[in-house]
Amino acid sequence: FGPDFAVTGMTWSAFRPSDDCCQYSYLIPSNMFAVVVLGYVQEIFVELDLADSQNIIADAKRLQAEIQEGIENYAYT
């Protein structure tokens, strides 16, 4: 679906929240939102302190950094 894409670290989107097709496949506002939400995920799992919390926190932190790096490297003109 959609145009060709490259690995950037950001999440790939075929459609916008309005259900319109994405022309460039990397919806920057959605990626920025994901970075913020992944920070919230980390905070929540610190408070929950479940048996698997540390793994979830590490995964969320890694994904957050990967998406943020993609934004910094590819989203600015």
PDB file of N, CA and C in Angstrom:
ATOM      1  N   PHE A   1       0.833  -1.181   0.000  1.00  0.00           N
ATOM      2  CA  PHE A   1       0.000   0.000   0.000  1.00  0.00           C
ATOM      3  C   PHE A   1       0.876   1.242   0.000  1.00  0.00           C
ATOM      4  N   GLY A   2       0.495   2.212  -0.779  1.00  0.00           N
ATOM      5  CA  GLY A   2       1.177   3.492  -0.767  1.00  0.00           C
ATOM      6  C   GLY A   2       2.493   3.464  -1.508  1.00  0.00           C
ATOM      7  N   PRO A   3       3.210   4.588  -1.442  1.00  0.00           N
ATOM      8  CA  PRO A   3       4.482   4.701  -2.153  1.00  0.00           C
ATOM      9  C   PRO A   3       5.588   3.924  -1.453  1.00  0.00           C
ATOM     10  N   ASP A   4       6.731   3.822  -2.140  1.00  0.00           N
ATOM     11  CA  ASP A   4       7.899   3.171  -1.545  1.00  0.00           C
ATOM     12  C   ASP A   4       8.312   3.924  -0.286  1.00  0.00           C
ATOM     13  N   PHE A   5       9.025   3.239   0.579  1.00  0.00           N
ATOM     14  CA  PHE A   5       9.464   3.871   1.815  1.00  0.00           C
ATOM     15  C   PHE A   5      10.844   3.370   2.189  1.00  0.00           C
ATOM     16  N   ALA A   6      11.509   4.075   3.067  1.00  0.00           N
ATOM     17  CA  ALA A   6      12.835   3.720   3.554  1.00  0.00           C
ATOM     18  C   ALA A   6      12.774   3.577   5.075  1.00  0.00           C
ATOM     19  N   VAL A   7      13.760   2.910   5.637  1.00  0.00           N
ATOM     20  CA  VAL A   7      13.837   2.775   7.091  1.00  0.00           C
ATOM     21  C   VAL A   7      14.362   4.098   7.654  1.00  0.00           C
ATOM     22  N   THR A   8      13.572   4.729   8.503  1.00  0.00           N
ATOM     23  CA  THR A   8      13.942   6.020   9.094  1.00  0.00           C
ATOM     24  C   THR A   8      13.932   5.988  10.612  1.00  0.00           C
ATOM     25  N   GLY A   9      13.353   4.954  11.186  1.00  0.00           N
ATOM     26  CA  GLY A   9      13.158   4.904  12.632  1.00  0.00           C
ATOM     27  C   GLY A   9      11.767   5.347  13.039  1.00  0.00           C
ATOM     28  N   MET A  10      11.081   6.046  12.130  1.00  0.00           N
ATOM     29  CA  MET A  10       9.723   6.495  12.425  1.00  0.00           C
ATOM     30  C   MET A  10       8.722   5.405  12.052  1.00  0.00           C
ATOM     31  N   THR A  11       7.512   5.549  12.553  1.00  0.00           N
ATOM     32  CA  THR A  11       6.453   4.615  12.185  1.00  0.00           C
ATOM     33  C   THR A  11       5.910   4.981  10.819  1.00  0.00           C
ATOM     34  N   TRP A  12       5.578   3.987  10.034  1.00  0.00           N
ATOM     35  CA  TRP A  12       5.072   4.159   8.676  1.00  0.00           C
ATOM     36  C   TRP A  12       3.557   4.159   8.722  1.00  0.00           C
ATOM     37  N   SER A  13       2.944   5.048   7.963  1.00  0.00           N
ATOM     38  CA  SER A  13       1.486   5.149   7.946  1.00  0.00           C
ATOM     39  C   SER A  13       0.987   5.139   6.504  1.00  0.00           C
ATOM     40  N   ALA A  14      -0.007   4.336   6.223  1.00  0.00           N
ATOM     41  CA  ALA A  14      -0.633   4.345   4.898  1.00  0.00           C
ATOM     42  C   ALA A  14      -1.734   5.393   4.846  1.00  0.00           C
ATOM     43  N   PHE A  15      -2.358   5.633   6.015  1.00  0.00           N
ATOM     44  CA  PHE A  15      -3.504   6.538   6.053  1.00  0.00           C
ATOM     45  C   PHE A  15      -3.393   7.502   7.220  1.00  0.00           C
ATOM     46  N   ARG A  16      -3.919   8.697   7.035  1.00  0.00           N
ATOM     47  CA  ARG A  16      -4.009   9.705   8.085  1.00  0.00           C
ATOM     48  C   ARG A  16      -5.187   9.349   9.001  1.00  0.00           C
ATOM     49  N   PRO A  17      -5.281   9.970  10.178  1.00  0.00           N
ATOM     50  CA  PRO A  17      -6.446   9.728  11.033  1.00  0.00           C
ATOM     51  C   PRO A  17      -7.778  10.027  10.333  1.00  0.00           C
ATOM     52  N   SER A  18      -7.754  10.911   9.334  1.00  0.00           N
ATOM     53  CA  SER A  18      -8.976  11.236   8.577  1.00  0.00           C
ATOM     54  C   SER A  18      -9.303  10.168   7.542  1.00  0.00           C
ATOM     55  N   ASP A  19      -8.462   9.152   7.414  1.00  0.00           N
ATOM     56  CA  ASP A  19      -8.603   8.048   6.463  1.00  0.00           C
ATOM     57  C   ASP A  19      -8.175   8.432   5.043  1.00  0.00           C
ATOM     58  N   ASP A  20      -7.555   9.599   4.873  1.00  0.00           N
ATOM     59  CA  ASP A  20      -6.965   9.962   3.597  1.00  0.00           C
ATOM     60  C   ASP A  20      -5.627   9.229   3.464  1.00  0.00           C
ATOM     61  N   CYS A  21      -5.232   8.920   2.241  1.00  0.00           N
ATOM     62  CA  CYS A  21      -3.929   8.288   2.005  1.00  0.00           C
ATOM     63  C   CYS A  21      -2.810   9.262   2.343  1.00  0.00           C
ATOM     64  N   CYS A  22      -1.746   8.735   2.911  1.00  0.00           N
ATOM     65  CA  CYS A  22      -0.552   9.546   3.175  1.00  0.00           C
ATOM     66  C   CYS A  22       0.285   9.593   1.904  1.00  0.00           C
ATOM     67  N   GLN A  23       0.672  10.784   1.498  1.00  0.00           N
ATOM     68  CA  GLN A  23       1.489  10.915   0.302  1.00  0.00           C
ATOM     69  C   GLN A  23       2.924  10.464   0.565  1.00  0.00           C
ATOM     70  N   TYR A  24       3.477  10.786   1.720  1.00  0.00           N
ATOM     71  CA  TYR A  24       4.872  10.480   2.014  1.00  0.00           C
ATOM     72  C   TYR A  24       5.066   9.362   3.037  1.00  0.00           C
ATOM     73  N   SER A  25       4.015   8.815   3.560  1.00  0.00           N
ATOM     74  CA  SER A  25       4.013   7.623   4.424  1.00  0.00           C
ATOM     75  C   SER A  25       4.545   7.806   5.839  1.00  0.00           C
ATOM     76  N   TYR A  26       5.171   8.926   6.132  1.00  0.00           N
ATOM     77  CA  TYR A  26       5.634   9.169   7.497  1.00  0.00           C
ATOM     78  C   TYR A  26       4.897  10.393   8.028  1.00  0.00           C
ATOM     79  N   LEU A  27       3.843  10.144   8.768  1.00  0.00           N
ATOM     80  CA  LEU A  27       3.019  11.230   9.293  1.00  0.00           C
ATOM     81  C   LEU A  27       3.703  11.779  10.549  1.00  0.00           C
ATOM     82  N   ILE A  28       4.385  12.899  10.396  1.00  0.00           N
ATOM     83  CA  ILE A  28       5.224  13.444  11.461  1.00  0.00           C
ATOM     84  C   ILE A  28       4.440  13.727  12.742  1.00  0.00           C
ATOM     85  N   PRO A  29       3.257  14.361  12.683  1.00  0.00           N
ATOM     86  CA  PRO A  29       2.522  14.584  13.939  1.00  0.00           C
ATOM     87  C   PRO A  29       2.202  13.280  14.679  1.00  0.00           C
ATOM     88  N   SER A  30       1.890  12.230  13.954  1.00  0.00           N
ATOM     89  CA  SER A  30       1.613  10.940  14.603  1.00  0.00           C
ATOM     90  C   SER A  30       2.867  10.375  15.253  1.00  0.00           C
ATOM     91  N   ASN A  31       4.001  10.558  14.618  1.00  0.00           N
ATOM     92  CA  ASN A  31       5.258  10.099  15.208  1.00  0.00           C
ATOM     93  C   ASN A  31       5.612  10.911  16.448  1.00  0.00           C
ATOM     94  N   MET A  32       5.365  12.216  16.405  1.00  0.00           N
ATOM     95  CA  MET A  32       5.610  13.058  17.580  1.00  0.00           C
ATOM     96  C   MET A  32       4.695  12.642  18.733  1.00  0.00           C
ATOM     97  N   PHE A  33       3.445  12.349  18.414  1.00  0.00           N
ATOM     98  CA  PHE A  33       2.495  11.882  19.421  1.00  0.00           C
ATOM     99  C   PHE A  33       2.973  10.563  20.035  1.00  0.00           C
ATOM    100  N   ALA A  34       3.477   9.674  19.198  1.00  0.00           N
ATOM    101  CA  ALA A  34       3.967   8.379  19.695  1.00  0.00           C
ATOM    102  C   ALA A  34       5.120   8.571  20.675  1.00  0.00           C
ATOM    103  N   VAL A  35       6.011   9.512  20.402  1.00  0.00           N
ATOM    104  CA  VAL A  35       7.129   9.785  21.315  1.00  0.00           C
ATOM    105  C   VAL A  35       6.602  10.209  22.690  1.00  0.00           C
ATOM    106  N   VAL A  36       5.618  11.080  22.702  1.00  0.00           N
ATOM    107  CA  VAL A  36       5.041  11.545  23.971  1.00  0.00           C
ATOM    108  C   VAL A  36       4.350  10.397  24.703  1.00  0.00           C
ATOM    109  N   VAL A  37       3.544   9.620  23.989  1.00  0.00           N
ATOM    110  CA  VAL A  37       2.801   8.525  24.609  1.00  0.00           C
ATOM    111  C   VAL A  37       3.753   7.456  25.150  1.00  0.00           C
ATOM    112  N   LEU A  38       4.831   7.174  24.442  1.00  0.00           N
ATOM    113  CA  LEU A  38       5.802   6.191  24.942  1.00  0.00           C
ATOM    114  C   LEU A  38       6.459   6.671  26.237  1.00  0.00           C
ATOM    115  N   GLY A  39       6.588   7.974  26.405  1.00  0.00           N
ATOM    116  CA  GLY A  39       7.056   8.512  27.692  1.00  0.00           C
ATOM    117  C   GLY A  39       6.048   8.242  28.795  1.00  0.00           C
ATOM    118  N   TYR A  40       4.764   8.401  28.472  1.00  0.00           N
ATOM    119  CA  TYR A  40       3.712   8.095  29.449  1.00  0.00           C
ATOM    120  C   TYR A  40       3.702   6.609  29.802  1.00  0.00           C
ATOM    121  N   VAL A  41       3.921   5.763  28.812  1.00  0.00           N
ATOM    122  CA  VAL A  41       3.971   4.308  29.060  1.00  0.00           C
ATOM    123  C   VAL A  41       5.065   4.003  30.078  1.00  0.00           C
ATOM    124  N   GLN A  42       6.218   4.629  29.910  1.00  0.00           N
ATOM    125  CA  GLN A  42       7.313   4.416  30.858  1.00  0.00           C
ATOM    126  C   GLN A  42       6.910   4.839  32.269  1.00  0.00           C
ATOM    127  N   GLU A  43       6.294   6.014  32.395  1.00  0.00           N
ATOM    128  CA  GLU A  43       5.871   6.501  33.713  1.00  0.00           C
ATOM    129  C   GLU A  43       4.854   5.566  34.358  1.00  0.00           C
ATOM    130  N   ILE A  44       3.911   5.094  33.578  1.00  0.00           N
ATOM    131  CA  ILE A  44       2.867   4.206  34.104  1.00  0.00           C
ATOM    132  C   ILE A  44       3.466   2.915  34.630  1.00  0.00           C
ATOM    133  N   PHE A  45       4.386   2.319  33.851  1.00  0.00           N
ATOM    134  CA  PHE A  45       4.942   1.036  34.277  1.00  0.00           C
ATOM    135  C   PHE A  45       5.945   1.170  35.412  1.00  0.00           C
ATOM    136  N   VAL A  46       6.530   2.345  35.595  1.00  0.00           N
ATOM    137  CA  VAL A  46       7.345   2.586  36.788  1.00  0.00           C
ATOM    138  C   VAL A  46       6.445   2.525  38.018  1.00  0.00           C
ATOM    139  N   GLU A  47       5.270   3.149  37.923  1.00  0.00           N
ATOM    140  CA  GLU A  47       4.333   3.168  39.047  1.00  0.00           C
ATOM    141  C   GLU A  47       3.703   1.796  39.308  1.00  0.00           C
ATOM    142  N   LEU A  48       3.391   1.046  38.241  1.00  0.00           N
ATOM    143  CA  LEU A  48       2.759  -0.266  38.411  1.00  0.00           C
ATOM    144  C   LEU A  48       3.701  -1.285  39.035  1.00  0.00           C
ATOM    145  N   ASP A  49       4.983  -1.201  38.683  1.00  0.00           N
ATOM    146  CA  ASP A  49       6.002  -2.099  39.222  1.00  0.00           C
ATOM    147  C   ASP A  49       5.595  -3.568  39.133  1.00  0.00           C
ATOM    148  N   LEU A  50       5.186  -3.997  37.938  1.00  0.00           N
ATOM    149  CA  LEU A  50       4.827  -5.392  37.687  1.00  0.00           C
ATOM    150  C   LEU A  50       6.084  -6.220  37.443  1.00  0.00           C
ATOM    151  N   ALA A  51       5.930  -7.521  37.401  1.00  0.00           N
ATOM    152  CA  ALA A  51       7.074  -8.407  37.188  1.00  0.00           C
ATOM    153  C   ALA A  51       7.795  -8.090  35.875  1.00  0.00           C
ATOM    154  N   ASP A  52       7.057  -7.719  34.840  1.00  0.00           N
ATOM    155  CA  ASP A  52       7.653  -7.463  33.526  1.00  0.00           C
ATOM    156  C   ASP A  52       7.820  -5.970  33.241  1.00  0.00           C
ATOM    157  N   SER A  53       7.625  -5.123  34.236  1.00  0.00           N
ATOM    158  CA  SER A  53       7.673  -3.676  34.025  1.00  0.00           C
ATOM    159  C   SER A  53       8.996  -3.203  33.437  1.00  0.00           C
ATOM    160  N   GLN A  54      10.101  -3.728  33.936  1.00  0.00           N
ATOM    161  CA  GLN A  54      11.406  -3.260  33.457  1.00  0.00           C
ATOM    162  C   GLN A  54      11.613  -3.559  31.973  1.00  0.00           C
ATOM    163  N   ASN A  55      11.132  -4.699  31.506  1.00  0.00           N
ATOM    164  CA  ASN A  55      11.245  -5.033  30.076  1.00  0.00           C
ATOM    165  C   ASN A  55      10.380  -4.107  29.231  1.00  0.00           C
ATOM    166  N   ILE A  56       9.188  -3.832  29.709  1.00  0.00           N
ATOM    167  CA  ILE A  56       8.275  -2.934  28.985  1.00  0.00           C
ATOM    168  C   ILE A  56       8.848  -1.523  28.958  1.00  0.00           C
ATOM    169  N   ILE A  57       9.377  -1.067  30.074  1.00  0.00           N
ATOM    170  CA  ILE A  57       9.980   0.264  30.140  1.00  0.00           C
ATOM    171  C   ILE A  57      11.163   0.359  29.175  1.00  0.00           C
ATOM    172  N   ALA A  58      12.003  -0.652  29.156  1.00  0.00           N
ATOM    173  CA  ALA A  58      13.161  -0.652  28.258  1.00  0.00           C
ATOM    174  C   ALA A  58      12.722  -0.638  26.794  1.00  0.00           C
ATOM    175  N   ASP A  59      11.711  -1.436  26.454  1.00  0.00           N
ATOM    176  CA  ASP A  59      11.202  -1.456  25.077  1.00  0.00           C
ATOM    177  C   ASP A  59      10.608  -0.108  24.685  1.00  0.00           C
ATOM    178  N   ALA A  60       9.836   0.493  25.588  1.00  0.00           N
ATOM    179  CA  ALA A  60       9.220   1.797  25.307  1.00  0.00           C
ATOM    180  C   ALA A  60      10.297   2.872  25.145  1.00  0.00           C
ATOM    181  N   LYS A  61      11.318   2.822  25.982  1.00  0.00           N
ATOM    182  CA  LYS A  61      12.405   3.800  25.907  1.00  0.00           C
ATOM    183  C   LYS A  61      13.175   3.660  24.594  1.00  0.00           C
ATOM    184  N   ARG A  62      13.444   2.416  24.183  1.00  0.00           N
ATOM    185  CA  ARG A  62      14.167   2.165  22.937  1.00  0.00           C
ATOM    186  C   ARG A  62      13.363   2.659  21.742  1.00  0.00           C
ATOM    187  N   LEU A  63      12.082   2.324  21.703  1.00  0.00           N
ATOM    188  CA  LEU A  63      11.230   2.734  20.591  1.00  0.00           C
ATOM    189  C   LEU A  63      11.063   4.254  20.567  1.00  0.00           C
ATOM    190  N   GLN A  64      10.904   4.860  21.733  1.00  0.00           N
ATOM    191  CA  GLN A  64      10.789   6.315  21.825  1.00  0.00           C
ATOM    192  C   GLN A  64      12.042   6.988  21.250  1.00  0.00           C
ATOM    193  N   ALA A  65      13.211   6.496  21.617  1.00  0.00           N
ATOM    194  CA  ALA A  65      14.465   7.076  21.128  1.00  0.00           C
ATOM    195  C   ALA A  65      14.616   6.881  19.622  1.00  0.00           C
ATOM    196  N   GLU A  66      14.215   5.716  19.129  1.00  0.00           N
ATOM    197  CA  GLU A  66      14.313   5.419  17.700  1.00  0.00           C
ATOM    198  C   GLU A  66      13.412   6.354  16.879  1.00  0.00           C
ATOM    199  N   ILE A  67      12.195   6.532  17.333  1.00  0.00           N
ATOM    200  CA  ILE A  67      11.270   7.424  16.619  1.00  0.00           C
ATOM    201  C   ILE A  67      11.748   8.866  16.719  1.00  0.00           C
ATOM    202  N   GLN A  68      12.185   9.294  17.895  1.00  0.00           N
ATOM    203  CA  GLN A  68      12.686  10.666  18.075  1.00  0.00           C
ATOM    204  C   GLN A  68      13.889  10.926  17.169  1.00  0.00           C
ATOM    205  N   GLU A  69      14.784   9.966  17.081  1.00  0.00           N
ATOM    206  CA  GLU A  69      15.945  10.116  16.202  1.00  0.00           C
ATOM    207  C   GLU A  69      15.516  10.227  14.734  1.00  0.00           C
ATOM    208  N   GLY A  70      14.526   9.433  14.347  1.00  0.00           N
ATOM    209  CA  GLY A  70      14.000   9.519  12.988  1.00  0.00           C
ATOM    210  C   GLY A  70      13.412  10.886  12.694  1.00  0.00           C
ATOM    211  N   ILE A  71      12.686  11.430  13.659  1.00  0.00           N
ATOM    212  CA  ILE A  71      12.117  12.773  13.487  1.00  0.00           C
ATOM    213  C   ILE A  71      13.236  13.800  13.324  1.00  0.00           C
ATOM    214  N   GLU A  72      14.229  13.723  14.197  1.00  0.00           N
ATOM    215  CA  GLU A  72      15.327  14.688  14.146  1.00  0.00           C
ATOM    216  C   GLU A  72      16.129  14.580  12.847  1.00  0.00           C
ATOM    217  N   ASN A  73      16.287  13.365  12.331  1.00  0.00           N
ATOM    218  CA  ASN A  73      17.104  13.165  11.140  1.00  0.00           C
ATOM    219  C   ASN A  73      16.366  13.398   9.828  1.00  0.00           C
ATOM    220  N   TYR A  74      15.057  13.177   9.805  1.00  0.00           N
ATOM    221  CA  TYR A  74      14.342  13.188   8.531  1.00  0.00           C
ATOM    222  C   TYR A  74      13.151  14.141   8.447  1.00  0.00           C
ATOM    223  N   ALA A  75      12.684  14.671   9.560  1.00  0.00           N
ATOM    224  CA  ALA A  75      11.441  15.451   9.524  1.00  0.00           C
ATOM    225  C   ALA A  75      11.656  16.953   9.382  1.00  0.00           C
ATOM    226  N   TYR A  76      12.860  17.398   9.600  1.00  0.00           N
ATOM    227  CA  TYR A  76      13.126  18.837   9.499  1.00  0.00           C
ATOM    228  C   TYR A  76      13.561  19.192   8.084  1.00  0.00           C
ATOM    229  N   THR A  77      13.114  20.365   7.619  1.00  0.00           N
ATOM    230  CA  THR A  77      13.544  20.824   6.291  1.00  0.00           C
ATOM    231  C   THR A  77      14.348  22.089   6.406  1.00  0.00           C
TER     232      THR A  77
END
